[in-house]
C-alpha atoms as a PDB file:
ATOM      1  CA  UNK A   1      87.897 103.392 -71.938  1.00  0.00           C
ATOM      2  CA  UNK A   2      89.846 106.655 -72.273  1.00  0.00           C
ATOM      3  CA  UNK A   3      87.160 108.074 -74.556  1.00  0.00           C
ATOM      4  CA  UNK A   4      83.895 106.396 -73.772  1.00  0.00           C
ATOM      5  CA  UNK A   5      81.759 105.422 -76.718  1.00  0.00           C
ATOM      6  CA  UNK A   6      77.992 105.768 -76.804  1.00  0.00           C
ATOM      7  CA  UNK A   7      77.428 102.173 -75.674  1.00  0.00           C
ATOM      8  CA  UNK A   8      79.760 102.724 -72.715  1.00  0.00           C
ATOM      9  CA  UNK A   9      77.920 105.865 -71.646  1.00  0.00           C
ATOM     10  CA  UNK A  10      74.617 104.007 -71.965  1.00  0.00           C
ATOM     11  CA  UNK A  11      75.910 101.172 -69.758  1.00  0.00           C
ATOM     12  CA  UNK A  12      77.116 103.610 -67.073  1.00  0.00           C
ATOM     13  CA  UNK A  13      73.755 105.386 -67.125  1.00  0.00           C
ATOM     14  CA  UNK A  14      72.008 101.994 -66.767  1.00  0.00           C
ATOM     15  CA  UNK A  15      74.186 101.211 -63.743  1.00  0.00           C
ATOM     16  CA  UNK A  16      73.305 104.577 -62.189  1.00  0.00           C
ATOM     17  CA  UNK A  17      69.593 104.030 -62.915  1.00  0.00           C
ATOM     18  CA  UNK A  18      69.724 100.650 -61.131  1.00  0.00           C
ATOM     19  CA  UNK A  19      70.254 102.479 -57.855  1.00  0.00           C
ATOM     20  CA  UNK A  20      68.065 105.536 -58.444  1.00  0.00           C
ATOM     21  CA  UNK A  21      65.827 104.686 -55.478  1.00  0.00           C
ATOM     22  CA  UNK A  22      68.703 104.060 -53.063  1.00  0.00           C
ATOM     23  CA  UNK A  23      69.354 106.650 -50.378  1.00  0.00           C
ATOM     24  CA  UNK A  24      73.143 106.403 -50.765  1.00  0.00           C
ATOM     25  CA  UNK A  25      73.866 104.751 -54.124  1.00  0.00           C
ATOM     26  CA  UNK A  26      77.463 105.799 -54.793  1.00  0.00           C
ATOM     27  CA  UNK A  27      79.331 102.754 -53.479  1.00  0.00           C
ATOM     28  CA  UNK A  28      77.000 100.368 -55.328  1.00  0.00           C
ATOM     29  CA  UNK A  29      77.309 102.352 -58.564  1.00  0.00           C
ATOM     30  CA  UNK A  30      81.091 102.545 -58.358  1.00  0.00           C
ATOM     31  CA  UNK A  31      81.365  98.867 -57.448  1.00  0.00           C
ATOM     32  CA  UNK A  32      79.296  97.838 -60.459  1.00  0.00           C
ATOM     33  CA  UNK A  33      81.338 100.096 -62.761  1.00  0.00           C
ATOM     34  CA  UNK A  34      84.612  98.732 -61.352  1.00  0.00           C
ATOM     35  CA  UNK A  35      83.336  95.166 -61.895  1.00  0.00           C
ATOM     36  CA  UNK A  36      82.198  95.980 -65.433  1.00  0.00           C
ATOM     37  CA  UNK A  37      85.251  97.889 -66.674  1.00  0.00           C
ATOM     38  CA  UNK A  38      88.043  97.172 -64.170  1.00  0.00           C
ATOM     39  CA  UNK A  39      88.626 100.818 -63.321  1.00  0.00           C
ATOM     40  CA  UNK A  40      86.891 104.176 -62.888  1.00  0.00           C
ATOM     41  CA  UNK A  41      88.580 106.994 -64.825  1.00  0.00           C
ATOM     42  CA  UNK A  42      87.695 110.663 -64.418  1.00  0.00           C
ATOM     43  CA  UNK A  43      85.520 110.657 -67.530  1.00  0.00           C
ATOM     44  CA  UNK A  44      83.303 107.981 -65.972  1.00  0.00           C
ATOM     45  CA  UNK A  45      83.201 109.870 -62.671  1.00  0.00           C
ATOM     46  CA  UNK A  46      81.884 112.899 -64.563  1.00  0.00           C
ATOM     47  CA  UNK A  47      79.054 110.835 -66.083  1.00  0.00           C
ATOM     48  CA  UNK A  48      78.155 109.440 -62.643  1.00  0.00           C
ATOM     49  CA  UNK A  49      78.197 112.983 -61.260  1.00  0.00           C
ATOM     50  CA  UNK A  50      75.840 114.259 -63.965  1.00  0.00           C
ATOM     51  CA  UNK A  51      73.487 111.326 -63.441  1.00  0.00           C
ATOM     52  CA  UNK A  52      73.444 111.346 -59.617  1.00  0.00           C
ATOM     53  CA  UNK A  53      74.079 114.977 -58.711  1.00  0.00           C
ATOM     54  CA  UNK A  54      77.037 113.905 -56.540  1.00  0.00           C
ATOM     55  CA  UNK A  55      80.035 116.168 -57.139  1.00  0.00           C
ATOM     56  CA  UNK A  56      83.029 114.817 -59.049  1.00  0.00           C
ATOM     57  CA  UNK A  57      85.174 115.812 -56.054  1.00  0.00           C
ATOM     58  CA  UNK A  58      83.116 113.577 -53.753  1.00  0.00           C
ATOM     59  CA  UNK A  59      83.182 110.699 -56.237  1.00  0.00           C
ATOM     60  CA  UNK A  60      86.937 111.077 -56.739  1.00  0.00           C
ATOM     61  CA  UNK A  61      87.392 111.084 -52.968  1.00  0.00           C
ATOM     62  CA  UNK A  62      85.604 107.743 -52.671  1.00  0.00           C
ATOM     63  CA  UNK A  63      87.433 106.199 -55.641  1.00  0.00           C
ATOM     64  CA  UNK A  64      90.842 107.190 -54.276  1.00  0.00           C
ATOM     65  CA  UNK A  65      90.051 106.323 -50.628  1.00  0.00           C
ATOM     66  CA  UNK A  66      89.034 102.695 -51.143  1.00  0.00           C
ATOM     67  CA  UNK A  67      91.799 100.427 -52.435  1.00  0.00           C
ATOM     68  CA  UNK A  68      89.422  98.166 -54.377  1.00  0.00           C
ATOM     69  CA  UNK A  69      88.610 101.031 -56.759  1.00  0.00           C
ATOM     70  CA  UNK A  70      91.159 102.017 -59.381  1.00  0.00           C
ATOM     71  CA  UNK A  71      91.703 105.044 -61.603  1.00  0.00           C
ATOM     72  CA  UNK A  72      93.855 103.004 -63.997  1.00  0.00           C
ATOM     73  CA  UNK A  73      93.199  99.726 -65.787  1.00  0.00           C
ATOM     74  CA  UNK A  74      94.471  96.677 -63.938  1.00  0.00           C
ATOM     75  CA  UNK A  75      96.096  93.595 -65.370  1.00  0.00           C
ATOM     76  CA  UNK A  76      94.222  90.463 -66.334  1.00  0.00           C
ATOM     77  CA  UNK A  77      95.589  88.892 -63.139  1.00  0.00           C
ATOM     78  CA  UNK A  78      95.548  91.084 -60.045  1.00  0.00           C
ATOM     79  CA  UNK A  79      97.972  89.818 -57.429  1.00  0.00           C
ATOM     80  CA  UNK A  80      96.912  91.025 -53.991  1.00  0.00           C
ATOM     81  CA  UNK A  81      99.629  90.643 -51.385  1.00  0.00           C
ATOM     82  CA  UNK A  82      98.370  91.110 -47.857  1.00  0.00           C
ATOM     83  CA  UNK A  83     100.656  93.289 -45.768  1.00  0.00           C
ATOM     84  CA  UNK A  84      98.466  93.247 -42.666  1.00  0.00           C
ATOM     85  CA  UNK A  85     100.210  92.603 -39.356  1.00  0.00           C
ATOM     86  CA  UNK A  86      99.902  88.795 -39.296  1.00  0.00           C
ATOM     87  CA  UNK A  87     101.042  88.458 -42.912  1.00  0.00           C
ATOM     88  CA  UNK A  88     103.781  91.046 -42.529  1.00  0.00           C
ATOM     89  CA  UNK A  89     105.400  89.342 -39.531  1.00  0.00           C
ATOM     90  CA  UNK A  90     105.378  86.053 -41.451  1.00  0.00           C
ATOM     91  CA  UNK A  91     107.311  87.488 -44.412  1.00  0.00           C
ATOM     92  CA  UNK A  92     104.754  89.155 -46.679  1.00  0.00           C
ATOM     93  CA  UNK A  93     107.118  92.008 -47.561  1.00  0.00           C
ATOM     94  CA  UNK A  94     109.654  89.553 -48.986  1.00  0.00           C
ATOM     95  CA  UNK A  95     106.865  87.881 -50.962  1.00  0.00           C
ATOM     96  CA  UNK A  96     105.634  91.103 -52.558  1.00  0.00           C
ATOM     97  CA  UNK A  97     109.271  92.056 -53.252  1.00  0.00           C
ATOM     98  CA  UNK A  98     109.744  88.725 -55.071  1.00  0.00           C
ATOM     99  CA  UNK A  99     106.608  89.273 -57.195  1.00  0.00           C
ATOM    100  CA  UNK A 100     107.976  92.732 -58.055  1.00  0.00           C
ATOM    101  CA  UNK A 101     111.382  91.320 -58.957  1.00  0.00           C
ATOM    102  CA  UNK A 102     109.963  88.573 -61.194  1.00  0.00           C
ATOM    103  CA  UNK A 103     107.379  90.767 -62.929  1.00  0.00           C
ATOM    104  CA  UNK A 104     109.474  93.937 -63.121  1.00  0.00           C
ATOM    105  CA  UNK A 105     106.809  96.208 -61.625  1.00  0.00           C
ATOM    106  CA  UNK A 106     106.262  97.792 -58.229  1.00  0.00           C
ATOM    107  CA  UNK A 107     103.103  97.413 -56.143  1.00  0.00           C
ATOM    108  CA  UNK A 108     100.326  99.452 -57.745  1.00  0.00           C
ATOM    109  CA  UNK A 109     101.760  98.951 -61.231  1.00  0.00           C
ATOM    110  CA  UNK A 110     100.770  96.757 -64.169  1.00  0.00           C
ATOM    111  CA  UNK A 111     103.132  94.828 -66.422  1.00  0.00           C
ATOM    112  CA  UNK A 112     103.624  96.236 -69.926  1.00  0.00           C
ATOM    113  CA  UNK A 113     101.806  93.252 -71.460  1.00  0.00           C
ATOM    114  CA  UNK A 114      98.742  93.991 -69.297  1.00  0.00           C
ATOM    115  CA  UNK A 115      98.809  90.563 -67.670  1.00  0.00           C
ATOM    116  CA  UNK A 116      99.708  91.325 -64.056  1.00  0.00           C
ATOM    117  CA  UNK A 117      99.040  94.042 -61.503  1.00  0.00           C
ATOM    118  CA  UNK A 118     100.552  93.851 -58.038  1.00  0.00           C
ATOM    119  CA  UNK A 119      98.489  95.346 -55.220  1.00  0.00           C
ATOM    120  CA  UNK A 120      99.729  95.786 -51.677  1.00  0.00           C
ATOM    121  CA  UNK A 121      96.693  95.157 -49.488  1.00  0.00           C
ATOM    122  CA  UNK A 122      96.231  95.932 -45.842  1.00  0.00           C
ATOM    123  CA  UNK A 123      94.339  93.148 -44.074  1.00  0.00           C
ATOM    124  CA  UNK A 124      92.344  90.645 -46.124  1.00  0.00           C
ATOM    125  CA  UNK A 125      91.070  88.812 -43.041  1.00  0.00           C
ATOM    126  CA  UNK A 126      93.085  85.660 -43.652  1.00  0.00           C
ATOM    127  CA  UNK A 127      95.353  85.926 -40.614  1.00  0.00           C
ATOM    128  CA  UNK A 128      95.147  82.195 -39.851  1.00  0.00           C
ATOM    129  CA  UNK A 129      96.733  81.345 -43.211  1.00  0.00           C
ATOM    130  CA  UNK A 130      99.315  84.135 -43.242  1.00  0.00           C
ATOM    131  CA  UNK A 131     101.052  85.186 -45.327  1.00  0.00           C
ATOM    132  CA  UNK A 132      98.212  85.207 -47.830  1.00  0.00           C
ATOM    133  CA  UNK A 133      98.141  86.224 -51.486  1.00  0.00           C
ATOM    134  CA  UNK A 134      95.086  86.472 -53.719  1.00  0.00           C
ATOM    135  CA  UNK A 135      94.983  86.380 -57.493  1.00  0.00           C
ATOM    136  CA  UNK A 136      91.615  87.301 -58.961  1.00  0.00           C
ATOM    137  CA  UNK A 137      89.932  85.991 -55.835  1.00  0.00           C
ATOM    138  CA  UNK A 138      91.866  82.722 -55.566  1.00  0.00           C
ATOM    139  CA  UNK A 139      93.637  82.586 -52.200  1.00  0.00           C
ATOM    140  CA  UNK A 140      97.164  81.258 -51.850  1.00  0.00           C
ATOM    141  CA  UNK A 141      97.640  80.444 -48.145  1.00  0.00           C
ATOM    142  CA  UNK A 142     100.939  80.368 -46.257  1.00  0.00           C
ATOM    143  CA  UNK A 143     102.786  81.706 -49.298  1.00  0.00           C
ATOM    144  CA  UNK A 144     106.563  81.492 -49.327  1.00  0.00           C
ATOM    145  CA  UNK A 145     109.136  83.390 -51.375  1.00  0.00           C
ATOM    146  CA  UNK A 146     110.113  80.096 -53.012  1.00  0.00           C
ATOM    147  CA  UNK A 147     106.534  79.591 -54.298  1.00  0.00           C
ATOM    148  CA  UNK A 148     106.238  82.996 -56.008  1.00  0.00           C
ATOM    149  CA  UNK A 149     107.948  82.000 -59.277  1.00  0.00           C
ATOM    150  CA  UNK A 150     105.863  78.841 -59.515  1.00  0.00           C
ATOM    151  CA  UNK A 151     102.633  80.825 -59.006  1.00  0.00           C
ATOM    152  CA  UNK A 152     103.593  83.375 -61.670  1.00  0.00           C
ATOM    153  CA  UNK A 153     104.461  80.550 -64.064  1.00  0.00           C
ATOM    154  CA  UNK A 154     101.051  78.970 -63.448  1.00  0.00           C
ATOM    155  CA  UNK A 155      99.406  82.091 -64.891  1.00  0.00           C
ATOM    156  CA  UNK A 156     101.945  82.455 -67.695  1.00  0.00           C
ATOM    157  CA  UNK A 157     101.167  78.850 -68.691  1.00  0.00           C
ATOM    158  CA  UNK A 158      97.481  79.771 -68.917  1.00  0.00           C
ATOM    159  CA  UNK A 159      98.513  82.452 -71.422  1.00  0.00           C
ATOM    160  CA  UNK A 160     100.760  80.088 -73.395  1.00  0.00           C
ATOM    161  CA  UNK A 161     103.926  81.942 -72.351  1.00  0.00           C
END
């Protein structure tokens, strides 16, 4: 989406128009754009700014404050490792380290093939099943370091790798 085509601009304008009557539409607009494209680059923020009258600085502030928004494209499979207190004390750091080791990327990065992104999350509200990992919304409860390779392989198998 580095250079947005006419259809892309039209879609972003449609998303903005959906919330024209809302008092505070920004979060809804950004959420819909994130869901549609997977990330919200500066070029898109400028279009939203022009359409809503909200400054690019304010939009950028929201995009960079909330961890579920991204300025860069994410992988096909987004691995969210909870590092909240309950998960952390039950070994979540070792789990995210193992994902990083296997995939060769650090938290916040995407593999070169575009398949995986590792995200370090604060609390995902799954303290009773800590340590918890999510992949595209699927929750892996009571994750162990020994399970990480098996979980990665599950997704590689889906890709025929």
